PDB file of N, CA and C in Angstrom:
ATOM      1  N   MET A   1       0.836  -1.178   0.000  1.00  0.00           N
ATOM      2  CA  MET A   1       0.000   0.000   0.000  1.00  0.00           C
ATOM      3  C   MET A   1       0.890   1.253   0.000  1.00  0.00           C
ATOM      4  N   LYS A   2       0.575   2.212  -0.847  1.00  0.00           N
ATOM      5  CA  LYS A   2       1.322   3.461  -0.924  1.00  0.00           C
ATOM      6  C   LYS A   2       1.250   4.222   0.387  1.00  0.00           C
ATOM      7  N   GLY A   3       2.263   5.053   0.581  1.00  0.00           N
ATOM      8  CA  GLY A   3       2.275   5.922   1.743  1.00  0.00           C
ATOM      9  C   GLY A   3       2.819   7.289   1.382  1.00  0.00           C
ATOM     10  N   TYR A   4       2.517   8.252   2.212  1.00  0.00           N
ATOM     11  CA  TYR A   4       2.961   9.619   1.995  1.00  0.00           C
ATOM     12  C   TYR A   4       3.490  10.198   3.296  1.00  0.00           C
ATOM     13  N   MET A   5       4.598  10.893   3.201  1.00  0.00           N
ATOM     14  CA  MET A   5       5.084  11.733   4.296  1.00  0.00           C
ATOM     15  C   MET A   5       4.758  13.152   3.847  1.00  0.00           C
ATOM     16  N   TYR A   6       4.197  13.938   4.753  1.00  0.00           N
ATOM     17  CA  TYR A   6       3.789  15.282   4.363  1.00  0.00           C
ATOM     18  C   TYR A   6       4.165  16.295   5.438  1.00  0.00           C
ATOM     19  N   ILE A   7       4.275  17.547   4.989  1.00  0.00           N
ATOM     20  CA  ILE A   7       4.540  18.653   5.908  1.00  0.00           C
ATOM     21  C   ILE A   7       3.450  19.689   5.695  1.00  0.00           C
ATOM     22  N   LEU A   8       2.817  20.082   6.796  1.00  0.00           N
ATOM     23  CA  LEU A   8       1.805  21.124   6.773  1.00  0.00           C
ATOM     24  C   LEU A   8       2.366  22.377   7.433  1.00  0.00           C
ATOM     25  N   GLU A   9       1.985  23.524   6.917  1.00  0.00           N
ATOM     26  CA  GLU A   9       2.276  24.775   7.607  1.00  0.00           C
ATOM     27  C   GLU A   9       0.990  25.192   8.301  1.00  0.00           C
ATOM     28  N   CYS A  10       1.077  25.377   9.609  1.00  0.00           N
ATOM     29  CA  CYS A  10      -0.092  25.735  10.404  1.00  0.00           C
ATOM     30  C   CYS A  10      -0.265  27.251  10.451  1.00  0.00           C
ATOM     31  N   SER A  11      -1.421  27.695  10.914  1.00  0.00           N
ATOM     32  CA  SER A  11      -1.730  29.128  10.942  1.00  0.00           C
ATOM     33  C   SER A  11      -0.766  29.925  11.819  1.00  0.00           C
ATOM     34  N   ASN A  12      -0.104  29.259  12.766  1.00  0.00           N
ATOM     35  CA  ASN A  12       0.866  29.952  13.629  1.00  0.00           C
ATOM     36  C   ASN A  12       2.269  29.952  13.024  1.00  0.00           C
ATOM     37  N   GLY A  13       2.408  29.425  11.803  1.00  0.00           N
ATOM     38  CA  GLY A  13       3.691  29.409  11.110  1.00  0.00           C
ATOM     39  C   GLY A  13       4.553  28.194  11.398  1.00  0.00           C
ATOM     40  N   GLN A  14       4.123  27.337  12.318  1.00  0.00           N
ATOM     41  CA  GLN A  14       4.897  26.141  12.628  1.00  0.00           C
ATOM     42  C   GLN A  14       4.570  25.027  11.640  1.00  0.00           C
ATOM     43  N   TYR A  15       5.497  24.075  11.551  1.00  0.00           N
ATOM     44  CA  TYR A  15       5.319  22.944  10.645  1.00  0.00           C
ATOM     45  C   TYR A  15       4.864  21.713  11.413  1.00  0.00           C
ATOM     46  N   TYR A  16       4.005  20.939  10.766  1.00  0.00           N
ATOM     47  CA  TYR A  16       3.554  19.655  11.288  1.00  0.00           C
ATOM     48  C   TYR A  16       3.949  18.604  10.266  1.00  0.00           C
ATOM     49  N   VAL A  17       4.594  17.543  10.723  1.00  0.00           N
ATOM     50  CA  VAL A  17       5.029  16.456   9.837  1.00  0.00           C
ATOM     51  C   VAL A  17       4.210  15.217  10.166  1.00  0.00           C
ATOM     52  N   GLY A  18       3.643  14.597   9.149  1.00  0.00           N
ATOM     53  CA  GLY A  18       2.846  13.400   9.355  1.00  0.00           C
ATOM     54  C   GLY A  18       3.034  12.410   8.221  1.00  0.00           C
ATOM     55  N   SER A  19       2.352  11.279   8.344  1.00  0.00           N
ATOM     56  CA  SER A  19       2.357  10.274   7.274  1.00  0.00           C
ATOM     57  C   SER A  19       0.975   9.647   7.197  1.00  0.00           C
ATOM     58  N   THR A  20       0.658   9.127   6.020  1.00  0.00           N
ATOM     59  CA  THR A  20      -0.668   8.559   5.787  1.00  0.00           C
ATOM     60  C   THR A  20      -0.638   7.669   4.552  1.00  0.00           C
ATOM     61  N   ASN A  21      -1.693   6.898   4.371  1.00  0.00           N
ATOM     62  CA  ASN A  21      -1.823   6.115   3.139  1.00  0.00           C
ATOM     63  C   ASN A  21      -2.808   6.779   2.170  1.00  0.00           C
ATOM     64  N   ASN A  22      -3.460   7.868   2.601  1.00  0.00           N
ATOM     65  CA  ASN A  22      -4.399   8.598   1.743  1.00  0.00           C
ATOM     66  C   ASN A  22      -4.206  10.093   2.002  1.00  0.00           C
ATOM     67  N   LEU A  23      -3.360  10.714   1.224  1.00  0.00           N
ATOM     68  CA  LEU A  23      -2.966  12.107   1.473  1.00  0.00           C
ATOM     69  C   LEU A  23      -4.150  13.066   1.400  1.00  0.00           C
ATOM     70  N   LYS A  24      -4.947  12.948   0.371  1.00  0.00           N
ATOM     71  CA  LYS A  24      -6.074  13.869   0.180  1.00  0.00           C
ATOM     72  C   LYS A  24      -7.051  13.798   1.358  1.00  0.00           C
ATOM     73  N   ALA A  25      -7.394  12.590   1.775  1.00  0.00           N
ATOM     74  CA  ALA A  25      -8.328  12.416   2.890  1.00  0.00           C
ATOM     75  C   ALA A  25      -7.732  12.913   4.209  1.00  0.00           C
ATOM     76  N   ARG A  26      -6.446  12.673   4.408  1.00  0.00           N
ATOM     77  CA  ARG A  26      -5.801  13.091   5.660  1.00  0.00           C
ATOM     78  C   ARG A  26      -5.730  14.612   5.772  1.00  0.00           C
ATOM     79  N   ILE A  27      -5.432  15.288   4.666  1.00  0.00           N
ATOM     80  CA  ILE A  27      -5.389  16.752   4.685  1.00  0.00           C
ATOM     81  C   ILE A  27      -6.781  17.296   4.997  1.00  0.00           C
ATOM     82  N   ALA A  28      -7.801  16.705   4.400  1.00  0.00           N
ATOM     83  CA  ALA A  28      -9.184  17.122   4.666  1.00  0.00           C
ATOM     84  C   ALA A  28      -9.526  16.940   6.147  1.00  0.00           C
ATOM     85  N   GLU A  29      -9.069  15.833   6.743  1.00  0.00           N
ATOM     86  CA  GLU A  29      -9.294  15.611   8.180  1.00  0.00           C
ATOM     87  C   GLU A  29      -8.647  16.715   9.000  1.00  0.00           C
ATOM     88  N   HIS A  30      -7.403  17.040   8.673  1.00  0.00           N
ATOM     89  CA  HIS A  30      -6.724  18.118   9.388  1.00  0.00           C
ATOM     90  C   HIS A  30      -7.520  19.416   9.273  1.00  0.00           C
ATOM     91  N   GLN A  31      -7.979  19.741   8.079  1.00  0.00           N
ATOM     92  CA  GLN A  31      -8.707  20.999   7.858  1.00  0.00           C
ATOM     93  C   GLN A  31     -10.030  21.052   8.632  1.00  0.00           C
ATOM     94  N   ARG A  32     -10.651  19.901   8.844  1.00  0.00           N
ATOM     95  CA  ARG A  32     -11.900  19.831   9.604  1.00  0.00           C
ATOM     96  C   ARG A  32     -11.660  19.795  11.113  1.00  0.00           C
ATOM     97  N   GLY A  33     -10.399  19.795  11.528  1.00  0.00           N
ATOM     98  CA  GLY A  33     -10.095  19.727  12.958  1.00  0.00           C
ATOM     99  C   GLY A  33     -10.135  18.319  13.501  1.00  0.00           C
ATOM    100  N   GLU A  34     -10.098  17.328  12.621  1.00  0.00           N
ATOM    101  CA  GLU A  34     -10.145  15.924  13.026  1.00  0.00           C
ATOM    102  C   GLU A  34      -8.771  15.274  12.955  1.00  0.00           C
ATOM    103  N   GLY A  35      -7.750  16.070  12.694  1.00  0.00           N
ATOM    104  CA  GLY A  35      -6.394  15.531  12.598  1.00  0.00           C
ATOM    105  C   GLY A  35      -5.754  15.495  13.968  1.00  0.00           C
ATOM    106  N   ALA A  36      -4.487  15.744  14.020  1.00  0.00           N
ATOM    107  CA  ALA A  36      -3.729  15.735  15.268  1.00  0.00           C
ATOM    108  C   ALA A  36      -4.149  16.907  16.156  1.00  0.00           C
ATOM    109  N   ASN A  37      -3.947  16.751  17.465  1.00  0.00           N
ATOM    110  CA  ASN A  37      -4.279  17.823  18.410  1.00  0.00           C
ATOM    111  C   ASN A  37      -3.569  19.118  18.047  1.00  0.00           C
ATOM    112  N   PHE A  38      -2.311  19.025  17.620  1.00  0.00           N
ATOM    113  CA  PHE A  38      -1.544  20.223  17.297  1.00  0.00           C
ATOM    114  C   PHE A  38      -2.191  20.997  16.158  1.00  0.00           C
ATOM    115  N   THR A  39      -2.533  20.314  15.077  1.00  0.00           N
ATOM    116  CA  THR A  39      -3.110  21.018  13.932  1.00  0.00           C
ATOM    117  C   THR A  39      -4.510  21.530  14.244  1.00  0.00           C
ATOM    118  N   THR A  40      -5.251  20.812  15.075  1.00  0.00           N
ATOM    119  CA  THR A  40      -6.591  21.247  15.458  1.00  0.00           C
ATOM    120  C   THR A  40      -6.544  22.617  16.134  1.00  0.00           C
ATOM    121  N   LYS A  41      -5.492  22.864  16.890  1.00  0.00           N
ATOM    122  CA  LYS A  41      -5.350  24.137  17.613  1.00  0.00           C
ATOM    123  C   LYS A  41      -4.807  25.254  16.727  1.00  0.00           C
ATOM    124  N   HIS A  42      -4.321  24.909  15.532  1.00  0.00           N
ATOM    125  CA  HIS A  42      -3.656  25.903  14.688  1.00  0.00           C
ATOM    126  C   HIS A  42      -4.180  25.881  13.246  1.00  0.00           C
ATOM    127  N   LEU A  43      -5.498  25.856  13.119  1.00  0.00           N
ATOM    128  CA  LEU A  43      -6.132  25.873  11.798  1.00  0.00           C
ATOM    129  C   LEU A  43      -6.177  27.292  11.253  1.00  0.00           C
ATOM    130  N   PRO A  44      -6.211  27.463   9.946  1.00  0.00           N
ATOM    131  CA  PRO A  44      -6.132  26.417   8.930  1.00  0.00           C
ATOM    132  C   PRO A  44      -4.693  25.959   8.710  1.00  0.00           C
ATOM    133  N   VAL A  45      -4.572  24.831   8.031  1.00  0.00           N
ATOM    134  CA  VAL A  45      -3.256  24.301   7.680  1.00  0.00           C
ATOM    135  C   VAL A  45      -3.130  24.302   6.161  1.00  0.00           C
ATOM    136  N   LYS A  46      -1.878  24.297   5.701  1.00  0.00           N
ATOM    137  CA  LYS A  46      -1.616  24.298   4.259  1.00  0.00           C
ATOM    138  C   LYS A  46      -0.561  23.239   3.967  1.00  0.00           C
ATOM    139  N   LEU A  47      -0.828  22.377   3.002  1.00  0.00           N
ATOM    140  CA  LEU A  47       0.152  21.378   2.577  1.00  0.00           C
ATOM    141  C   LEU A  47       1.276  22.101   1.843  1.00  0.00           C
ATOM    142  N   VAL A  48       2.512  21.951   2.358  1.00  0.00           N
ATOM    143  CA  VAL A  48       3.646  22.632   1.732  1.00  0.00           C
ATOM    144  C   VAL A  48       4.653  21.660   1.126  1.00  0.00           C
ATOM    145  N   TYR A  49       4.528  20.362   1.450  1.00  0.00           N
ATOM    146  CA  TYR A  49       5.485  19.389   0.922  1.00  0.00           C
ATOM    147  C   TYR A  49       4.954  17.985   1.153  1.00  0.00           C
ATOM    148  N   PHE A  50       5.263  17.073   0.222  1.00  0.00           N
ATOM    149  CA  PHE A  50       4.989  15.656   0.459  1.00  0.00           C
ATOM    150  C   PHE A  50       5.927  14.798  -0.369  1.00  0.00           C
ATOM    151  N   GLU A  51       6.117  13.576   0.094  1.00  0.00           N
ATOM    152  CA  GLU A  51       6.874  12.557  -0.623  1.00  0.00           C
ATOM    153  C   GLU A  51       6.008  11.307  -0.686  1.00  0.00           C
ATOM    154  N   GLU A  52       6.081  10.589  -1.806  1.00  0.00           N
ATOM    155  CA  GLU A  52       5.311   9.362  -1.985  1.00  0.00           C
ATOM    156  C   GLU A  52       6.239   8.161  -1.863  1.00  0.00           C
ATOM    157  N   PHE A  53       5.763   7.106  -1.202  1.00  0.00           N
ATOM    158  CA  PHE A  53       6.532   5.880  -0.995  1.00  0.00           C
ATOM    159  C   PHE A  53       5.700   4.679  -1.439  1.00  0.00           C
ATOM    160  N   LYS A  54       6.383   3.606  -1.794  1.00  0.00           N
ATOM    161  CA  LYS A  54       5.683   2.388  -2.212  1.00  0.00           C
ATOM    162  C   LYS A  54       4.963   1.727  -1.044  1.00  0.00           C
ATOM    163  N   LYS A  55       5.490   1.925   0.177  1.00  0.00           N
ATOM    164  CA  LYS A  55       4.895   1.315   1.366  1.00  0.00           C
ATOM    165  C   LYS A  55       4.697   2.370   2.445  1.00  0.00           C
ATOM    166  N   VAL A  56       3.579   2.285   3.145  1.00  0.00           N
ATOM    167  CA  VAL A  56       3.264   3.274   4.176  1.00  0.00           C
ATOM    168  C   VAL A  56       4.272   3.224   5.325  1.00  0.00           C
ATOM    169  N   GLY A  57       4.851   2.075   5.575  1.00  0.00           N
ATOM    170  CA  GLY A  57       5.857   1.949   6.634  1.00  0.00           C
ATOM    171  C   GLY A  57       7.078   2.811   6.359  1.00  0.00           C
ATOM    172  N   ARG A  58       7.442   2.918   5.105  1.00  0.00           N
ATOM    173  CA  ARG A  58       8.584   3.773   4.737  1.00  0.00           C
ATOM    174  C   ARG A  58       8.229   5.247   4.918  1.00  0.00           C
ATOM    175  N   ALA A  59       6.989   5.593   4.629  1.00  0.00           N
ATOM    176  CA  ALA A  59       6.533   6.970   4.840  1.00  0.00           C
ATOM    177  C   ALA A  59       6.568   7.309   6.331  1.00  0.00           C
ATOM    178  N   PHE A  60       6.164   6.351   7.156  1.00  0.00           N
ATOM    179  CA  PHE A  60       6.186   6.561   8.608  1.00  0.00           C
ATOM    180  C   PHE A  60       7.619   6.752   9.099  1.00  0.00           C
ATOM    181  N   ASN A  61       8.548   5.950   8.596  1.00  0.00           N
ATOM    182  CA  ASN A  61       9.954   6.097   8.975  1.00  0.00           C
ATOM    183  C   ASN A  61      10.498   7.461   8.560  1.00  0.00           C
ATOM    184  N   ARG A  62      10.127   7.897   7.372  1.00  0.00           N
ATOM    185  CA  ARG A  62      10.574   9.208   6.894  1.00  0.00           C
ATOM    186  C   ARG A  62       9.963  10.321   7.759  1.00  0.00           C
ATOM    187  N   GLU A  63       8.700  10.154   8.146  1.00  0.00           N
ATOM    188  CA  GLU A  63       8.047  11.119   9.041  1.00  0.00           C
ATOM    189  C   GLU A  63       8.866  11.293  10.309  1.00  0.00           C
ATOM    190  N   LYS A  64       9.240  10.193  10.936  1.00  0.00           N
ATOM    191  CA  LYS A  64       9.995  10.253  12.189  1.00  0.00           C
ATOM    192  C   LYS A  64      11.350  10.911  11.982  1.00  0.00           C
ATOM    193  N   GLN A  65      11.978  10.672  10.838  1.00  0.00           N
ATOM    194  CA  GLN A  65      13.263  11.293  10.533  1.00  0.00           C
ATOM    195  C   GLN A  65      13.104  12.814  10.425  1.00  0.00           C
ATOM    196  N   VAL A  66      12.141  13.240   9.629  1.00  0.00           N
ATOM    197  CA  VAL A  66      11.962  14.673   9.368  1.00  0.00           C
ATOM    198  C   VAL A  66      11.450  15.408  10.604  1.00  0.00           C
ATOM    199  N   GLN A  67      10.669  14.748  11.437  1.00  0.00           N
ATOM    200  CA  GLN A  67      10.182  15.385  12.660  1.00  0.00           C
ATOM    201  C   GLN A  67      11.334  15.858  13.544  1.00  0.00           C
ATOM    202  N   GLY A  68      12.439  15.155  13.513  1.00  0.00           N
ATOM    203  CA  GLY A  68      13.578  15.513  14.342  1.00  0.00           C
ATOM    204  C   GLY A  68      14.441  16.625  13.761  1.00  0.00           C
ATOM    205  N   TRP A  69      14.105  17.101  12.584  1.00  0.00           N
ATOM    206  CA  TRP A  69      14.908  18.123  11.928  1.00  0.00           C
ATOM    207  C   TRP A  69      14.595  19.519  12.448  1.00  0.00           C
ATOM    208  N   SER A  70      15.562  20.396  12.292  1.00  0.00           N
ATOM    209  CA  SER A  70      15.369  21.804  12.636  1.00  0.00           C
ATOM    210  C   SER A  70      14.425  22.448  11.615  1.00  0.00           C
ATOM    211  N   ARG A  71      13.913  23.600  11.975  1.00  0.00           N
ATOM    212  CA  ARG A  71      13.051  24.356  11.060  1.00  0.00           C
ATOM    213  C   ARG A  71      13.787  24.665   9.753  1.00  0.00           C
ATOM    214  N   LYS A  72      15.051  25.093   9.869  1.00  0.00           N
ATOM    215  CA  LYS A  72      15.826  25.438   8.671  1.00  0.00           C
ATOM    216  C   LYS A  72      15.979  24.234   7.747  1.00  0.00           C
ATOM    217  N   LYS A  73      16.213  23.080   8.332  1.00  0.00           N
ATOM    218  CA  LYS A  73      16.393  21.882   7.511  1.00  0.00           C
ATOM    219  C   LYS A  73      15.072  21.492   6.835  1.00  0.00           C
ATOM    220  N   LYS A  74      13.970  21.597   7.572  1.00  0.00           N
ATOM    221  CA  LYS A  74      12.659  21.316   6.966  1.00  0.00           C
ATOM    222  C   LYS A  74      12.394  22.280   5.819  1.00  0.00           C
ATOM    223  N   GLU A  75      12.735  23.546   6.000  1.00  0.00           N
ATOM    224  CA  GLU A  75      12.499  24.532   4.946  1.00  0.00           C
ATOM    225  C   GLU A  75      13.383  24.273   3.731  1.00  0.00           C
ATOM    226  N   SER A  76      14.581  23.767   3.937  1.00  0.00           N
ATOM    227  CA  SER A  76      15.431  23.396   2.805  1.00  0.00           C
ATOM    228  C   SER A  76      14.766  22.296   1.986  1.00  0.00           C
ATOM    229  N   LEU A  77      14.146  21.352   2.663  1.00  0.00           N
ATOM    230  CA  LEU A  77      13.426  20.281   1.976  1.00  0.00           C
ATOM    231  C   LEU A  77      12.208  20.857   1.244  1.00  0.00           C
ATOM    232  N   ILE A  78      11.436  21.671   1.927  1.00  0.00           N
ATOM    233  CA  ILE A  78      10.218  22.257   1.359  1.00  0.00           C
ATOM    234  C   ILE A  78      10.531  23.079   0.112  1.00  0.00           C
ATOM    235  N   TYR A  79      11.573  23.891   0.189  1.00  0.00           N
ATOM    236  CA  TYR A  79      11.883  24.816  -0.907  1.00  0.00           C
ATOM    237  C   TYR A  79      12.850  24.236  -1.932  1.00  0.00           C
ATOM    238  N   GLY A  80      13.170  22.952  -1.800  1.00  0.00           N
ATOM    239  CA  GLY A  80      13.974  22.282  -2.812  1.00  0.00           C
ATOM    240  C   GLY A  80      15.459  22.562  -2.744  1.00  0.00           C
ATOM    241  N   ALA A  81      15.944  23.058  -1.614  1.00  0.00           N
ATOM    242  CA  ALA A  81      17.379  23.340  -1.454  1.00  0.00           C
ATOM    243  C   ALA A  81      18.060  22.117  -0.856  1.00  0.00           C
ATOM    244  N   LYS A  82      17.960  20.996  -1.538  1.00  0.00           N
ATOM    245  CA  LYS A  82      18.462  19.725  -1.005  1.00  0.00           C
ATOM    246  C   LYS A  82      19.970  19.722  -0.805  1.00  0.00           C
ATOM    247  N   ASP A  83      20.693  20.567  -1.522  1.00  0.00           N
ATOM    248  CA  ASP A  83      22.141  20.650  -1.342  1.00  0.00           C
ATOM    249  C   ASP A  83      22.508  21.185   0.036  1.00  0.00           C
ATOM    250  N   ASP A  84      21.596  21.907   0.670  1.00  0.00           N
ATOM    251  CA  ASP A  84      21.853  22.489   1.993  1.00  0.00           C
ATOM    252  C   ASP A  84      21.600  21.500   3.138  1.00  0.00           C
ATOM    253  N   LEU A  85      20.933  20.388   2.859  1.00  0.00           N
ATOM    254  CA  LEU A  85      20.513  19.470   3.923  1.00  0.00           C
ATOM    255  C   LEU A  85      21.690  18.911   4.717  1.00  0.00           C
ATOM    256  N   HIS A  86      22.756  18.525   4.038  1.00  0.00           N
ATOM    257  CA  HIS A  86      23.891  17.914   4.735  1.00  0.00           C
ATOM    258  C   HIS A  86      24.508  18.902   5.732  1.00  0.00           C
ATOM    259  N   GLY A  87      24.745  20.108   5.303  1.00  0.00           N
ATOM    260  CA  GLY A  87      25.332  21.115   6.188  1.00  0.00           C
ATOM    261  C   GLY A  87      24.440  21.436   7.369  1.00  0.00           C
ATOM    262  N   LEU A  88      23.126  21.439   7.149  1.00  0.00           N
ATOM    263  CA  LEU A  88      22.192  21.722   8.235  1.00  0.00           C
ATOM    264  C   LEU A  88      22.069  20.556   9.207  1.00  0.00           C
ATOM    265  N   ALA A  89      22.518  19.383   8.791  1.00  0.00           N
ATOM    266  CA  ALA A  89      22.462  18.212   9.655  1.00  0.00           C
ATOM    267  C   ALA A  89      23.592  18.210  10.679  1.00  0.00           C
ATOM    268  N   GLU A  90      24.643  18.983  10.416  1.00  0.00           N
ATOM    269  CA  GLU A  90      25.770  19.019  11.345  1.00  0.00           C
ATOM    270  C   GLU A  90      25.385  19.726  12.627  1.00  0.00           C
ATOM    271  N   CYS A  91      25.912  19.245  13.720  1.00  0.00           N
ATOM    272  CA  CYS A  91      25.631  19.810  15.033  1.00  0.00           C
ATOM    273  C   CYS A  91      26.121  21.253  15.090  1.00  0.00           C
ATOM    274  N   GLN A  92      25.264  22.142  15.585  1.00  0.00           N
ATOM    275  CA  GLN A  92      25.612  23.548  15.693  1.00  0.00           C
ATOM    276  C   GLN A  92      26.016  23.929  17.118  1.00  0.00           C
ATOM    277  N   ASN A  93      26.094  22.945  18.013  1.00  0.00           N
ATOM    278  CA  ASN A  93      26.525  23.177  19.388  1.00  0.00           C
ATOM    279  C   ASN A  93      27.933  23.746  19.365  1.00  0.00           C
ATOM    280  N   GLU A  94      28.181  24.846  20.074  1.00  0.00           N
ATOM    281  CA  GLU A  94      29.469  25.539  20.002  1.00  0.00           C
ATOM    282  C   GLU A  94      30.638  24.632  20.368  1.00  0.00           C
ATOM    283  N   THR A  95      30.502  23.840  21.420  1.00  0.00           N
ATOM    284  CA  THR A  95      31.584  22.954  21.836  1.00  0.00           C
ATOM    285  C   THR A  95      31.858  21.908  20.766  1.00  0.00           C
ATOM    286  N   HIS A  96      30.808  21.289  20.251  1.00  0.00           N
ATOM    287  CA  HIS A  96      30.964  20.277  19.216  1.00  0.00           C
ATOM    288  C   HIS A  96      31.588  20.887  17.972  1.00  0.00           C
ATOM    289  N   PHE A  97      31.159  22.087  17.622  1.00  0.00           N
ATOM    290  CA  PHE A  97      31.684  22.765  16.443  1.00  0.00           C
ATOM    291  C   PHE A  97      33.189  22.986  16.575  1.00  0.00           C
ATOM    292  N   LYS A  98      33.635  23.426  17.758  1.00  0.00           N
ATOM    293  CA  LYS A  98      35.066  23.672  17.969  1.00  0.00           C
ATOM    294  C   LYS A  98      35.874  22.377  17.853  1.00  0.00           C
ATOM    295  N   ILE A  99      35.365  21.296  18.433  1.00  0.00           N
ATOM    296  CA  ILE A  99      36.049  20.000  18.367  1.00  0.00           C
ATOM    297  C   ILE A  99      36.092  19.514  16.925  1.00  0.00           C
ATOM    298  N   SER A 100      34.973  19.639  16.232  1.00  0.00           N
ATOM    299  CA  SER A 100      34.895  19.205  14.841  1.00  0.00           C
ATOM    300  C   SER A 100      35.874  19.983  13.961  1.00  0.00           C
ATOM    301  N   MET A 101      35.960  21.295  14.179  1.00  0.00           N
ATOM    302  CA  MET A 101      36.895  22.119  13.392  1.00  0.00           C
ATOM    303  C   MET A 101      38.346  21.754  13.718  1.00  0.00           C
ATOM    304  N   ALA A 102      38.630  21.470  14.990  1.00  0.00           N
ATOM    305  CA  ALA A 102      39.993  21.084  15.382  1.00  0.00           C
ATOM    306  C   ALA A 102      40.384  19.779  14.693  1.00  0.00           C
ATOM    307  N   LYS A 103      39.456  18.835  14.624  1.00  0.00           N
ATOM    308  CA  LYS A 103      39.735  17.561  13.964  1.00  0.00           C
ATOM    309  C   LYS A 103      39.981  17.775  12.473  1.00  0.00           C
ATOM    310  N   LYS A 104      39.163  18.616  11.856  1.00  0.00           N
ATOM    311  CA  LYS A 104      39.341  18.892  10.426  1.00  0.00           C
ATOM    312  C   LYS A 104      40.696  19.551  10.178  1.00  0.00           C
ATOM    313  N   ASN A 105      41.063  20.499  11.024  1.00  0.00           N
ATOM    314  CA  ASN A 105      42.346  21.187  10.866  1.00  0.00           C
ATOM    315  C   ASN A 105      43.510  20.231  11.063  1.00  0.00           C
ATOM    316  N   LYS A 106      43.377  19.312  12.017  1.00  0.00           N
ATOM    317  CA  LYS A 106      44.437  18.334  12.273  1.00  0.00           C
ATOM    318  C   LYS A 106      44.636  17.454  11.042  1.00  0.00           C
ATOM    319  N   LYS A 107      43.527  17.034  10.415  1.00  0.00           N
ATOM    320  CA  LYS A 107      43.626  16.212   9.210  1.00  0.00           C
ATOM    321  C   LYS A 107      44.312  16.972   8.092  1.00  0.00           C
ATOM    322  N   LEU A 108      44.026  18.257   8.001  1.00  0.00           N
ATOM    323  CA  LEU A 108      44.647  19.067   6.963  1.00  0.00           C
ATOM    324  C   LEU A 108      46.130  19.252   7.195  1.00  0.00           C
ATOM    325  N   ASP A 109      46.544  19.284   8.476  1.00  0.00           N
ATOM    326  CA  ASP A 109      47.952  19.505   8.813  1.00  0.00           C
ATOM    327  C   ASP A 109      48.783  18.232   8.752  1.00  0.00           C
ATOM    328  N   THR A 110      48.132  17.070   8.712  1.00  0.00           N
ATOM    329  CA  THR A 110      48.844  15.798   8.716  1.00  0.00           C
ATOM    330  C   THR A 110      49.457  15.558   7.345  1.00  0.00           C
ATOM    331  N   PRO A 111      50.796  15.321   7.293  1.00  0.00           N
ATOM    332  CA  PRO A 111      51.422  15.051   5.984  1.00  0.00           C
ATOM    333  C   PRO A 111      50.982  13.696   5.440  1.00  0.00           C
ATOM    334  N   ASP A 112      50.937  13.610   4.138  1.00  0.00           N
ATOM    335  CA  ASP A 112      50.568  12.338   3.494  1.00  0.00           C
ATOM    336  C   ASP A 112      51.664  11.319   3.708  1.00  0.00           C
ATOM    337  N   SER A 113      51.293  10.073   3.857  1.00  0.00           N
ATOM    338  CA  SER A 113      52.268   8.989   4.084  1.00  0.00           C
ATOM    339  C   SER A 113      52.720   8.423   2.767  1.00  0.00           C
TER     340      SER A 113
END
């Protein structure tokens, strides 16, 4: 059975990520306030992105992946800036960033064998 991962933009500007086996019917449910509690509180919603999968289980897995993404990363997906996704996936924590840069610099300074 086909599946869809979708992203809705809610009236408060936040994104909702879901999955379903019937995209048209699920969006209609959200619009009627019969969807998730979050979307019910922030109507109306607008479909801004979706992906189609051969199996609904894969759509559900993709939903869980995208739900964990930052707003910027979701917007890169929505607006088709897929080249930006990898960079946005890197940890932006200041400590991690410093360690990561130190490791990169060390690799650059290491002479070839």
